[in-house]
PDB file of N, CA and C in Angstrom:
ATOM      1  N   MET A   1     111.063 127.904 130.802  1.00  0.00           N
ATOM      2  CA  MET A   1     110.981 126.472 130.968  1.00  0.00           C
ATOM      3  C   MET A   1     111.352 125.799 129.648  1.00  0.00           C
ATOM      4  N   LEU A   2     112.191 124.796 129.738  1.00  0.00           N
ATOM      5  CA  LEU A   2     112.626 124.047 128.564  1.00  0.00           C
ATOM      6  C   LEU A   2     111.620 122.943 128.256  1.00  0.00           C
ATOM      7  N   ILE A   3     111.129 122.909 127.023  1.00  0.00           N
ATOM      8  CA  ILE A   3     110.192 121.863 126.597  1.00  0.00           C
ATOM      9  C   ILE A   3     110.734 121.198 125.338  1.00  0.00           C
ATOM     10  N   ARG A   4     110.390 119.929 125.154  1.00  0.00           N
ATOM     11  CA  ARG A   4     110.833 119.205 123.955  1.00  0.00           C
ATOM     12  C   ARG A   4     110.049 119.693 122.745  1.00  0.00           C
ATOM     13  N   TYR A   5     110.748 119.770 121.630  1.00  0.00           N
ATOM     14  CA  TYR A   5     110.128 120.155 120.362  1.00  0.00           C
ATOM     15  C   TYR A   5     109.085 119.124 119.954  1.00  0.00           C
ATOM     16  N   LYS A   6     107.965 119.631 119.446  1.00  0.00           N
ATOM     17  CA  LYS A   6     106.928 118.791 118.848  1.00  0.00           C
ATOM     18  C   LYS A   6     106.533 119.428 117.515  1.00  0.00           C
ATOM     19  N   LYS A   7     106.046 118.623 116.604  1.00  0.00           N
ATOM     20  CA  LYS A   7     105.705 119.064 115.248  1.00  0.00           C
ATOM     21  C   LYS A   7     104.811 120.313 115.216  1.00  0.00           C
ATOM     22  N   PRO A   8     103.819 120.469 116.107  1.00  0.00           N
ATOM     23  CA  PRO A   8     102.998 121.693 116.051  1.00  0.00           C
ATOM     24  C   PRO A   8     103.801 122.987 116.235  1.00  0.00           C
ATOM     25  N   PHE A   9     105.008 122.893 116.781  1.00  0.00           N
ATOM     26  CA  PHE A   9     105.849 124.074 117.003  1.00  0.00           C
ATOM     27  C   PHE A   9     106.822 124.313 115.843  1.00  0.00           C
ATOM     28  N   GLU A  10     106.619 123.606 114.725  1.00  0.00           N
ATOM     29  CA  GLU A  10     107.591 123.656 113.629  1.00  0.00           C
ATOM     30  C   GLU A  10     107.843 125.072 113.114  1.00  0.00           C
ATOM     31  N   LYS A  11     106.798 125.858 112.876  1.00  0.00           N
ATOM     32  CA  LYS A  11     106.990 127.196 112.307  1.00  0.00           C
ATOM     33  C   LYS A  11     107.771 128.101 113.246  1.00  0.00           C
ATOM     34  N   ILE A  12     107.432 128.085 114.518  1.00  0.00           N
ATOM     35  CA  ILE A  12     108.160 128.940 115.449  1.00  0.00           C
ATOM     36  C   ILE A  12     109.601 128.461 115.610  1.00  0.00           C
ATOM     37  N   ALA A  13     109.808 127.140 115.609  1.00  0.00           N
ATOM     38  CA  ALA A  13     111.166 126.601 115.709  1.00  0.00           C
ATOM     39  C   ALA A  13     111.981 127.007 114.486  1.00  0.00           C
ATOM     40  N   MET A  14     111.394 126.923 113.310  1.00  0.00           N
ATOM     41  CA  MET A  14     112.104 127.331 112.098  1.00  0.00           C
ATOM     42  C   MET A  14     112.427 128.824 112.137  1.00  0.00           C
ATOM     43  N   GLY A  15     111.502 129.613 112.642  1.00  0.00           N
ATOM     44  CA  GLY A  15     111.751 131.053 112.759  1.00  0.00           C
ATOM     45  C   GLY A  15     112.928 131.340 113.672  1.00  0.00           C
ATOM     46  N   LEU A  16     112.964 130.672 114.817  1.00  0.00           N
ATOM     47  CA  LEU A  16     114.073 130.872 115.750  1.00  0.00           C
ATOM     48  C   LEU A  16     115.383 130.344 115.183  1.00  0.00           C
ATOM     49  N   LEU A  17     115.330 129.186 114.527  1.00  0.00           N
ATOM     50  CA  LEU A  17     116.546 128.624 113.917  1.00  0.00           C
ATOM     51  C   LEU A  17     117.099 129.540 112.826  1.00  0.00           C
ATOM     52  N   SER A  18     116.206 130.248 112.152  1.00  0.00           N
ATOM     53  CA  SER A  18     116.657 131.104 111.046  1.00  0.00           C
ATOM     54  C   SER A  18     117.529 132.264 111.523  1.00  0.00           C
ATOM     55  N   PHE A  19     117.557 132.534 112.823  1.00  0.00           N
ATOM     56  CA  PHE A  19     118.453 133.568 113.356  1.00  0.00           C
ATOM     57  C   PHE A  19     119.899 133.084 113.433  1.00  0.00           C
ATOM     58  N   MET A  20     120.109 131.768 113.323  1.00  0.00           N
ATOM     59  CA  MET A  20     121.465 131.224 113.329  1.00  0.00           C
ATOM     60  C   MET A  20     122.121 131.565 111.982  1.00  0.00           C
ATOM     61  N   PRO A  21     123.372 132.024 111.996  1.00  0.00           N
ATOM     62  CA  PRO A  21     124.019 132.451 110.744  1.00  0.00           C
ATOM     63  C   PRO A  21     124.012 131.407 109.630  1.00  0.00           C
ATOM     64  N   ASN A  22     124.184 130.125 109.960  1.00  0.00           N
ATOM     65  CA  ASN A  22     124.249 129.089 108.927  1.00  0.00           C
ATOM     66  C   ASN A  22     122.894 128.511 108.563  1.00  0.00           C
ATOM     67  N   GLU A  23     121.828 129.079 109.085  1.00  0.00           N
ATOM     68  CA  GLU A  23     120.483 128.534 108.816  1.00  0.00           C
ATOM     69  C   GLU A  23     119.599 129.535 108.067  1.00  0.00           C
ATOM     70  N   LYS A  24     120.205 130.478 107.372  1.00  0.00           N
ATOM     71  CA  LYS A  24     119.434 131.505 106.654  1.00  0.00           C
ATOM     72  C   LYS A  24     118.730 130.945 105.416  1.00  0.00           C
ATOM     73  N   ASP A  25     119.370 130.000 104.749  1.00  0.00           N
ATOM     74  CA  ASP A  25     118.819 129.417 103.530  1.00  0.00           C
ATOM     75  C   ASP A  25     117.669 128.469 103.871  1.00  0.00           C
ATOM     76  N   LEU A  26     116.534 128.617 103.189  1.00  0.00           N
ATOM     77  CA  LEU A  26     115.346 127.820 103.491  1.00  0.00           C
ATOM     78  C   LEU A  26     115.598 126.323 103.348  1.00  0.00           C
ATOM     79  N   LYS A  27     116.282 125.911 102.303  1.00  0.00           N
ATOM     80  CA  LYS A  27     116.549 124.475 102.119  1.00  0.00           C
ATOM     81  C   LYS A  27     117.411 123.930 103.254  1.00  0.00           C
ATOM     82  N   LYS A  28     118.421 124.677 103.677  1.00  0.00           N
ATOM     83  CA  LYS A  28     119.279 124.266 104.789  1.00  0.00           C
ATOM     84  C   LYS A  28     118.441 124.172 106.065  1.00  0.00           C
ATOM     85  N   LEU A  29     117.592 125.146 106.276  1.00  0.00           N
ATOM     86  CA  LEU A  29     116.718 125.181 107.453  1.00  0.00           C
ATOM     87  C   LEU A  29     115.789 123.965 107.479  1.00  0.00           C
ATOM     88  N   GLN A  30     115.206 123.638 106.347  1.00  0.00           N
ATOM     89  CA  GLN A  30     114.314 122.478 106.263  1.00  0.00           C
ATOM     90  C   GLN A  30     115.088 121.180 106.522  1.00  0.00           C
ATOM     91  N   THR A  31     116.304 121.089 106.013  1.00  0.00           N
ATOM     92  CA  THR A  31     117.136 119.911 106.241  1.00  0.00           C
ATOM     93  C   THR A  31     117.452 119.769 107.728  1.00  0.00           C
ATOM     94  N   THR A  32     117.784 120.871 108.366  1.00  0.00           N
ATOM     95  CA  THR A  32     118.087 120.851 109.801  1.00  0.00           C
ATOM     96  C   THR A  32     116.860 120.403 110.598  1.00  0.00           C
ATOM     97  N   MET A  33     115.692 120.926 110.262  1.00  0.00           N
ATOM     98  CA  MET A  33     114.467 120.533 110.978  1.00  0.00           C
ATOM     99  C   MET A  33     114.198 119.042 110.800  1.00  0.00           C
ATOM    100  N   LYS A  34     114.397 118.525 109.603  1.00  0.00           N
ATOM    101  CA  LYS A  34     114.184 117.094 109.359  1.00  0.00           C
ATOM    102  C   LYS A  34     115.151 116.259 110.202  1.00  0.00           C
ATOM    103  N   GLN A  35     116.372 116.751 110.347  1.00  0.00           N
ATOM    104  CA  GLN A  35     117.350 116.028 111.145  1.00  0.00           C
ATOM    105  C   GLN A  35     116.880 115.933 112.606  1.00  0.00           C
ATOM    106  N   TYR A  36     116.373 117.049 113.144  1.00  0.00           N
ATOM    107  CA  TYR A  36     115.869 117.029 114.521  1.00  0.00           C
ATOM    108  C   TYR A  36     114.635 116.131 114.641  1.00  0.00           C
ATOM    109  N   GLU A  37     113.795 116.113 113.626  1.00  0.00           N
ATOM    110  CA  GLU A  37     112.563 115.328 113.680  1.00  0.00           C
ATOM    111  C   GLU A  37     112.802 113.834 113.483  1.00  0.00           C
ATOM    112  N   ASN A  38     113.816 113.467 112.701  1.00  0.00           N
ATOM    113  CA  ASN A  38     113.984 112.070 112.308  1.00  0.00           C
ATOM    114  C   ASN A  38     115.126 111.326 112.980  1.00  0.00           C
ATOM    115  N   SER A  39     116.047 112.031 113.603  1.00  0.00           N
ATOM    116  CA  SER A  39     117.200 111.367 114.199  1.00  0.00           C
ATOM    117  C   SER A  39     117.065 111.292 115.717  1.00  0.00           C
ATOM    118  N   ASP A  40     117.295 110.109 116.259  1.00  0.00           N
ATOM    119  CA  ASP A  40     117.287 109.953 117.718  1.00  0.00           C
ATOM    120  C   ASP A  40     118.505 110.631 118.345  1.00  0.00           C
ATOM    121  N   GLN A  41     119.534 110.874 117.538  1.00  0.00           N
ATOM    122  CA  GLN A  41     120.766 111.484 118.049  1.00  0.00           C
ATOM    123  C   GLN A  41     120.678 113.007 118.135  1.00  0.00           C
ATOM    124  N   TRP A  42     119.675 113.602 117.509  1.00  0.00           N
ATOM    125  CA  TRP A  42     119.501 115.060 117.515  1.00  0.00           C
ATOM    126  C   TRP A  42     118.213 115.395 118.256  1.00  0.00           C
ATOM    127  N   GLN A  43     118.303 116.288 119.222  1.00  0.00           N
ATOM    128  CA  GLN A  43     117.133 116.670 120.004  1.00  0.00           C
ATOM    129  C   GLN A  43     117.025 118.182 120.067  1.00  0.00           C
ATOM    130  N   LEU A  44     115.802 118.666 119.893  1.00  0.00           N
ATOM    131  CA  LEU A  44     115.530 120.095 119.888  1.00  0.00           C
ATOM    132  C   LEU A  44     114.619 120.431 121.059  1.00  0.00           C
ATOM    133  N   PHE A  45     114.945 121.503 121.754  1.00  0.00           N
ATOM    134  CA  PHE A  45     114.163 121.979 122.890  1.00  0.00           C
ATOM    135  C   PHE A  45     113.792 123.435 122.661  1.00  0.00           C
ATOM    136  N   LEU A  46     112.633 123.820 123.166  1.00  0.00           N
ATOM    137  CA  LEU A  46     112.167 125.196 123.053  1.00  0.00           C
ATOM    138  C   LEU A  46     112.104 125.806 124.444  1.00  0.00           C
ATOM    139  N   TRP A  47     112.336 127.111 124.528  1.00  0.00           N
ATOM    140  CA  TRP A  47     112.258 127.826 125.802  1.00  0.00           C
ATOM    141  C   TRP A  47     110.948 128.593 125.810  1.00  0.00           C
ATOM    142  N   LYS A  48     110.107 128.249 126.788  1.00  0.00           N
ATOM    143  CA  LYS A  48     108.790 128.868 126.871  1.00  0.00           C
ATOM    144  C   LYS A  48     108.661 129.648 128.160  1.00  0.00           C
ATOM    145  N   GLU A  49     108.283 130.900 128.017  1.00  0.00           N
ATOM    146  CA  GLU A  49     107.878 131.707 129.163  1.00  0.00           C
ATOM    147  C   GLU A  49     106.386 131.904 128.945  1.00  0.00           C
ATOM    148  N   GLU A  50     105.946 133.100 128.598  1.00  0.00           N
ATOM    149  CA  GLU A  50     104.544 133.236 128.176  1.00  0.00           C
ATOM    150  C   GLU A  50     104.394 132.696 126.757  1.00  0.00           C
ATOM    151  N   ASP A  51     105.388 132.957 125.952  1.00  0.00           N
ATOM    152  CA  ASP A  51     105.454 132.458 124.578  1.00  0.00           C
ATOM    153  C   ASP A  51     106.760 131.687 124.412  1.00  0.00           C
ATOM    154  N   ILE A  52     106.888 131.027 123.282  1.00  0.00           N
ATOM    155  CA  ILE A  52     108.165 130.365 122.968  1.00  0.00           C
ATOM    156  C   ILE A  52     109.100 131.442 122.430  1.00  0.00           C
ATOM    157  N   ILE A  53     110.222 131.636 123.118  1.00  0.00           N
ATOM    158  CA  ILE A  53     111.116 132.732 122.753  1.00  0.00           C
ATOM    159  C   ILE A  53     112.555 132.281 122.474  1.00  0.00           C
ATOM    160  N   GLY A  54     112.819 130.987 122.597  1.00  0.00           N
ATOM    161  CA  GLY A  54     114.174 130.512 122.344  1.00  0.00           C
ATOM    162  C   GLY A  54     114.180 129.040 122.008  1.00  0.00           C
ATOM    163  N   LEU A  55     115.320 128.588 121.494  1.00  0.00           N
ATOM    164  CA  LEU A  55     115.496 127.155 121.243  1.00  0.00           C
ATOM    165  C   LEU A  55     116.948 126.780 121.431  1.00  0.00           C
ATOM    166  N   ILE A  56     117.132 125.512 121.741  1.00  0.00           N
ATOM    167  CA  ILE A  56     118.477 124.949 121.862  1.00  0.00           C
ATOM    168  C   ILE A  56     118.410 123.526 121.304  1.00  0.00           C
ATOM    169  N   GLY A  57     119.326 123.223 120.416  1.00  0.00           N
ATOM    170  CA  GLY A  57     119.359 121.907 119.785  1.00  0.00           C
ATOM    171  C   GLY A  57     120.685 121.233 120.053  1.00  0.00           C
ATOM    172  N   VAL A  58     120.619 119.944 120.348  1.00  0.00           N
ATOM    173  CA  VAL A  58     121.823 119.194 120.685  1.00  0.00           C
ATOM    174  C   VAL A  58     121.926 117.916 119.866  1.00  0.00           C
ATOM    175  N   SER A  59     123.159 117.434 119.752  1.00  0.00           N
ATOM    176  CA  SER A  59     123.382 116.100 119.196  1.00  0.00           C
ATOM    177  C   SER A  59     124.027 115.268 120.295  1.00  0.00           C
ATOM    178  N   LEU A  60     123.598 114.019 120.377  1.00  0.00           N
ATOM    179  CA  LEU A  60     124.137 113.105 121.368  1.00  0.00           C
ATOM    180  C   LEU A  60     125.375 112.446 120.762  1.00  0.00           C
ATOM    181  N   ILE A  61     126.525 112.770 121.299  1.00  0.00           N
ATOM    182  CA  ILE A  61     127.779 112.247 120.751  1.00  0.00           C
ATOM    183  C   ILE A  61     127.984 110.805 121.205  1.00  0.00           C
ATOM    184  N   ASP A  62     127.851 110.570 122.500  1.00  0.00           N
ATOM    185  CA  ASP A  62     127.912 109.216 123.063  1.00  0.00           C
ATOM    186  C   ASP A  62     127.195 109.268 124.406  1.00  0.00           C
ATOM    187  N   GLU A  63     127.307 108.201 125.201  1.00  0.00           N
ATOM    188  CA  GLU A  63     126.548 108.157 126.461  1.00  0.00           C
ATOM    189  C   GLU A  63     127.048 109.167 127.485  1.00  0.00           C
ATOM    190  N   ASN A  64     128.202 109.788 127.226  1.00  0.00           N
ATOM    191  CA  ASN A  64     128.778 110.712 128.205  1.00  0.00           C
ATOM    192  C   ASN A  64     128.768 112.176 127.799  1.00  0.00           C
ATOM    193  N   GLN A  65     128.495 112.461 126.534  1.00  0.00           N
ATOM    194  CA  GLN A  65     128.577 113.856 126.119  1.00  0.00           C
ATOM    195  C   GLN A  65     127.559 114.223 125.041  1.00  0.00           C
ATOM    196  N   ILE A  66     127.186 115.501 125.083  1.00  0.00           N
ATOM    197  CA  ILE A  66     126.302 116.074 124.071  1.00  0.00           C
ATOM    198  C   ILE A  66     126.964 117.334 123.525  1.00  0.00           C
ATOM    199  N   GLU A  67     126.559 117.698 122.325  1.00  0.00           N
ATOM    200  CA  GLU A  67     127.110 118.902 121.706  1.00  0.00           C
ATOM    201  C   GLU A  67     125.962 119.834 121.324  1.00  0.00           C
ATOM    202  N   ILE A  68     126.073 121.083 121.718  1.00  0.00           N
ATOM    203  CA  ILE A  68     125.058 122.082 121.378  1.00  0.00           C
ATOM    204  C   ILE A  68     125.285 122.501 119.928  1.00  0.00           C
ATOM    205  N   GLN A  69     124.318 122.185 119.085  1.00  0.00           N
ATOM    206  CA  GLN A  69     124.399 122.505 117.655  1.00  0.00           C
ATOM    207  C   GLN A  69     123.790 123.861 117.332  1.00  0.00           C
ATOM    208  N   HIS A  70     122.708 124.201 118.007  1.00  0.00           N
ATOM    209  CA  HIS A  70     121.986 125.446 117.739  1.00  0.00           C
ATOM    210  C   HIS A  70     121.524 126.056 119.058  1.00  0.00           C
ATOM    211  N   ILE A  71     121.590 127.363 119.138  1.00  0.00           N
ATOM    212  CA  ILE A  71     121.012 128.088 120.263  1.00  0.00           C
ATOM    213  C   ILE A  71     120.572 129.442 119.720  1.00  0.00           C
ATOM    214  N   SER A  72     119.335 129.804 119.996  1.00  0.00           N
ATOM    215  CA  SER A  72     118.788 131.031 119.430  1.00  0.00           C
ATOM    216  C   SER A  72     117.723 131.598 120.361  1.00  0.00           C
ATOM    217  N   VAL A  73     117.719 132.915 120.467  1.00  0.00           N
ATOM    218  CA  VAL A  73     116.718 133.622 121.268  1.00  0.00           C
ATOM    219  C   VAL A  73     116.094 134.691 120.380  1.00  0.00           C
ATOM    220  N   ASN A  74     114.792 134.842 120.493  1.00  0.00           N
ATOM    221  CA  ASN A  74     114.086 135.894 119.768  1.00  0.00           C
ATOM    222  C   ASN A  74     114.798 137.222 120.034  1.00  0.00           C
ATOM    223  N   PRO A  75     115.106 138.001 118.983  1.00  0.00           N
ATOM    224  CA  PRO A  75     115.861 139.244 119.184  1.00  0.00           C
ATOM    225  C   PRO A  75     115.254 140.203 120.208  1.00  0.00           C
ATOM    226  N   SER A  76     113.948 140.228 120.335  1.00  0.00           N
ATOM    227  CA  SER A  76     113.329 141.155 121.296  1.00  0.00           C
ATOM    228  C   SER A  76     113.479 140.685 122.742  1.00  0.00           C
ATOM    229  N   HIS A  77     114.021 139.492 122.944  1.00  0.00           N
ATOM    230  CA  HIS A  77     114.227 138.957 124.297  1.00  0.00           C
ATOM    231  C   HIS A  77     115.698 138.712 124.621  1.00  0.00           C
ATOM    232  N   ARG A  78     116.585 139.230 123.802  1.00  0.00           N
ATOM    233  CA  ARG A  78     118.021 139.009 124.021  1.00  0.00           C
ATOM    234  C   ARG A  78     118.541 139.890 125.144  1.00  0.00           C
ATOM    235  N   GLN A  79     119.723 139.554 125.621  1.00  0.00           N
ATOM    236  CA  GLN A  79     120.397 140.271 126.707  1.00  0.00           C
ATOM    237  C   GLN A  79     119.635 140.177 128.033  1.00  0.00           C
ATOM    238  N   GLN A  80     118.852 139.108 128.197  1.00  0.00           N
ATOM    239  CA  GLN A  80     118.092 138.905 129.429  1.00  0.00           C
ATOM    240  C   GLN A  80     118.489 137.606 130.131  1.00  0.00           C
ATOM    241  N   GLY A  81     119.528 136.948 129.654  1.00  0.00           N
ATOM    242  CA  GLY A  81     119.993 135.720 130.285  1.00  0.00           C
ATOM    243  C   GLY A  81     119.248 134.469 129.865  1.00  0.00           C
ATOM    244  N   ILE A  82     118.429 134.558 128.823  1.00  0.00           N
ATOM    245  CA  ILE A  82     117.626 133.405 128.398  1.00  0.00           C
ATOM    246  C   ILE A  82     118.514 132.297 127.843  1.00  0.00           C
ATOM    247  N   GLY A  83     119.499 132.648 127.050  1.00  0.00           N
ATOM    248  CA  GLY A  83     120.422 131.640 126.516  1.00  0.00           C
ATOM    249  C   GLY A  83     121.133 130.905 127.636  1.00  0.00           C
ATOM    250  N   LYS A  84     121.596 131.652 128.607  1.00  0.00           N
ATOM    251  CA  LYS A  84     122.269 131.056 129.756  1.00  0.00           C
ATOM    252  C   LYS A  84     121.312 130.133 130.521  1.00  0.00           C
ATOM    253  N   ASN A  85     120.057 130.568 130.675  1.00  0.00           N
ATOM    254  CA  ASN A  85     119.049 129.739 131.346  1.00  0.00           C
ATOM    255  C   ASN A  85     118.776 128.449 130.573  1.00  0.00           C
ATOM    256  N   MET A  86     118.771 128.532 129.239  1.00  0.00           N
ATOM    257  CA  MET A  86     118.542 127.335 128.425  1.00  0.00           C
ATOM    258  C   MET A  86     119.687 126.340 128.617  1.00  0.00           C
ATOM    259  N   VAL A  87     120.909 126.845 128.655  1.00  0.00           N
ATOM    260  CA  VAL A  87     122.062 125.968 128.847  1.00  0.00           C
ATOM    261  C   VAL A  87     121.992 125.313 130.232  1.00  0.00           C
ATOM    262  N   GLN A  88     121.626 126.090 131.233  1.00  0.00           N
ATOM    263  CA  GLN A  88     121.497 125.550 132.593  1.00  0.00           C
ATOM    264  C   GLN A  88     120.417 124.469 132.644  1.00  0.00           C
ATOM    265  N   ALA A  89     119.282 124.724 132.002  1.00  0.00           N
ATOM    266  CA  ALA A  89     118.191 123.746 131.976  1.00  0.00           C
ATOM    267  C   ALA A  89     118.618 122.480 131.236  1.00  0.00           C
ATOM    268  N   LEU A  90     119.453 122.643 130.217  1.00  0.00           N
ATOM    269  CA  LEU A  90     119.962 121.491 129.471  1.00  0.00           C
ATOM    270  C   LEU A  90     120.791 120.589 130.377  1.00  0.00           C
ATOM    271  N   LYS A  91     121.546 121.186 131.281  1.00  0.00           N
ATOM    272  CA  LYS A  91     122.336 120.403 132.238  1.00  0.00           C
ATOM    273  C   LYS A  91     121.429 119.553 133.119  1.00  0.00           C
ATOM    274  N   GLU A  92     120.222 120.052 133.398  1.00  0.00           N
ATOM    275  CA  GLU A  92     119.266 119.296 134.218  1.00  0.00           C
ATOM    276  C   GLU A  92     118.621 118.164 133.413  1.00  0.00           C
ATOM    277  N   VAL A  93     118.439 118.376 132.110  1.00  0.00           N
ATOM    278  CA  VAL A  93     117.868 117.341 131.240  1.00  0.00           C
ATOM    279  C   VAL A  93     118.870 116.205 131.028  1.00  0.00           C
ATOM    280  N   PHE A  94     120.153 116.559 130.979  1.00  0.00           N
ATOM    281  CA  PHE A  94     121.216 115.583 130.743  1.00  0.00           C
ATOM    282  C   PHE A  94     122.216 115.603 131.906  1.00  0.00           C
ATOM    283  N   PRO A  95     121.781 115.212 133.105  1.00  0.00           N
ATOM    284  CA  PRO A  95     122.683 115.283 134.260  1.00  0.00           C
ATOM    285  C   PRO A  95     123.892 114.363 134.087  1.00  0.00           C
ATOM    286  N   GLY A  96     125.043 114.867 134.487  1.00  0.00           N
ATOM    287  CA  GLY A  96     126.259 114.075 134.438  1.00  0.00           C
ATOM    288  C   GLY A  96     126.922 114.004 133.076  1.00  0.00           C
ATOM    289  N   LYS A  97     126.296 114.564 132.050  1.00  0.00           N
ATOM    290  CA  LYS A  97     126.899 114.524 130.711  1.00  0.00           C
ATOM    291  C   LYS A  97     127.761 115.769 130.497  1.00  0.00           C
ATOM    292  N   LEU A  98     128.830 115.581 129.771  1.00  0.00           N
ATOM    293  CA  LEU A  98     129.673 116.687 129.366  1.00  0.00           C
ATOM    294  C   LEU A  98     128.948 117.428 128.250  1.00  0.00           C
ATOM    295  N   ILE A  99     128.788 118.724 128.400  1.00  0.00           N
ATOM    296  CA  ILE A  99     128.116 119.536 127.385  1.00  0.00           C
ATOM    297  C   ILE A  99     129.173 120.341 126.652  1.00  0.00           C
ATOM    298  N   LYS A 100     129.259 120.110 125.351  1.00  0.00           N
ATOM    299  CA  LYS A 100     130.248 120.782 124.513  1.00  0.00           C
ATOM    300  C   LYS A 100     129.524 121.715 123.551  1.00  0.00           C
ATOM    301  N   ALA A 101     130.275 122.652 123.033  1.00  0.00           N
ATOM    302  CA  ALA A 101     129.742 123.549 122.013  1.00  0.00           C
ATOM    303  C   ALA A 101     130.252 123.127 120.644  1.00  0.00           C
ATOM    304  N   SER A 102     129.433 123.291 119.632  1.00  0.00           N
ATOM    305  CA  SER A 102     129.896 123.090 118.266  1.00  0.00           C
ATOM    306  C   SER A 102     130.674 124.338 117.863  1.00  0.00           C
ATOM    307  N   SER A 103     131.333 124.294 116.730  1.00  0.00           N
ATOM    308  CA  SER A 103     132.069 125.481 116.281  1.00  0.00           C
ATOM    309  C   SER A 103     131.118 126.659 116.086  1.00  0.00           C
ATOM    310  N   GLU A 104     129.881 126.379 115.714  1.00  0.00           N
ATOM    311  CA  GLU A 104     128.908 127.442 115.476  1.00  0.00           C
ATOM    312  C   GLU A 104     128.383 128.059 116.775  1.00  0.00           C
ATOM    313  N   THR A 105     128.364 127.298 117.858  1.00  0.00           N
ATOM    314  CA  THR A 105     127.806 127.813 119.115  1.00  0.00           C
ATOM    315  C   THR A 105     128.876 128.137 120.153  1.00  0.00           C
ATOM    316  N   ALA A 106     130.129 127.855 119.848  1.00  0.00           N
ATOM    317  CA  ALA A 106     131.205 127.993 120.836  1.00  0.00           C
ATOM    318  C   ALA A 106     131.321 129.398 121.421  1.00  0.00           C
ATOM    319  N   GLU A 107     131.242 130.413 120.588  1.00  0.00           N
ATOM    320  CA  GLU A 107     131.411 131.780 121.082  1.00  0.00           C
ATOM    321  C   GLU A 107     130.339 132.123 122.120  1.00  0.00           C
ATOM    322  N   PHE A 108     129.097 131.762 121.819  1.00  0.00           N
ATOM    323  CA  PHE A 108     128.028 132.052 122.772  1.00  0.00           C
ATOM    324  C   PHE A 108     128.182 131.229 124.055  1.00  0.00           C
ATOM    325  N   ILE A 109     128.479 129.961 123.903  1.00  0.00           N
ATOM    326  CA  ILE A 109     128.614 129.083 125.066  1.00  0.00           C
ATOM    327  C   ILE A 109     129.761 129.554 125.958  1.00  0.00           C
ATOM    328  N   ASP A 110     130.838 130.044 125.357  1.00  0.00           N
ATOM    329  CA  ASP A 110     131.943 130.593 126.147  1.00  0.00           C
ATOM    330  C   ASP A 110     131.459 131.765 127.002  1.00  0.00           C
ATOM    331  N   LYS A 111     130.567 132.566 126.457  1.00  0.00           N
ATOM    332  CA  LYS A 111     130.013 133.689 127.221  1.00  0.00           C
ATOM    333  C   LYS A 111     129.241 133.189 128.433  1.00  0.00           C
ATOM    334  N   CYS A 112     128.629 132.040 128.311  1.00  0.00           N
ATOM    335  CA  CYS A 112     127.852 131.470 129.419  1.00  0.00           C
ATOM    336  C   CYS A 112     128.760 130.925 130.514  1.00  0.00           C
ATOM    337  N   LYS A 113     130.056 130.718 130.180  1.00  0.00           N
ATOM    338  CA  LYS A 113     131.024 130.173 131.140  1.00  0.00           C
ATOM    339  C   LYS A 113     130.477 128.917 131.819  1.00  0.00           C
ATOM    340  N   MET A 114     130.131 127.960 130.974  1.00  0.00           N
ATOM    341  CA  MET A 114     129.542 126.720 131.475  1.00  0.00           C
ATOM    342  C   MET A 114     130.548 125.915 132.253  1.00  0.00           C
ATOM    343  N   GLU A 115     130.105 125.356 133.361  1.00  0.00           N
ATOM    344  CA  GLU A 115     130.926 124.394 134.098  1.00  0.00           C
ATOM    345  C   GLU A 115     130.775 123.036 133.424  1.00  0.00           C
ATOM    346  N   GLY A 116     131.836 122.275 133.396  1.00  0.00           N
ATOM    347  CA  GLY A 116     131.762 120.914 132.861  1.00  0.00           C
ATOM    348  C   GLY A 116     131.605 120.870 131.369  1.00  0.00           C
ATOM    349  N   SER A 117     132.062 121.899 130.678  1.00  0.00           N
ATOM    350  CA  SER A 117     131.972 121.878 129.223  1.00  0.00           C
ATOM    351  C   SER A 117     133.312 122.287 128.632  1.00  0.00           C
ATOM    352  N   GLU A 118     133.425 122.080 127.339  1.00  0.00           N
ATOM    353  CA  GLU A 118     134.651 122.478 126.644  1.00  0.00           C
ATOM    354  C   GLU A 118     134.379 123.697 125.809  1.00  0.00           C
TER     355      GLU A 118
END
């Protein structure tokens, strides 16, 4: 289930974000978290089953499209379709919007073969 990020989930969100190749540096990671917390244009969602095991972060480009900036799944839960499920749930959160991948998430999103995305 996709849930919106809240401050109490900061440590787990930072842990999941740190699996992204460009988020290894602590200062970069903290800057990214601040962007999600302070900007209305950036939204972070967590994937919760029994525990929080994934995250997906988007930026709102305009009223018609969003761009996936970050997507990460706990390594012990990979290869189970969780990333694909997060992308599908995102389509339900933003119905009718074009969902695009950033250069950092494009390879993974291509694997998901999303409809209505670039």
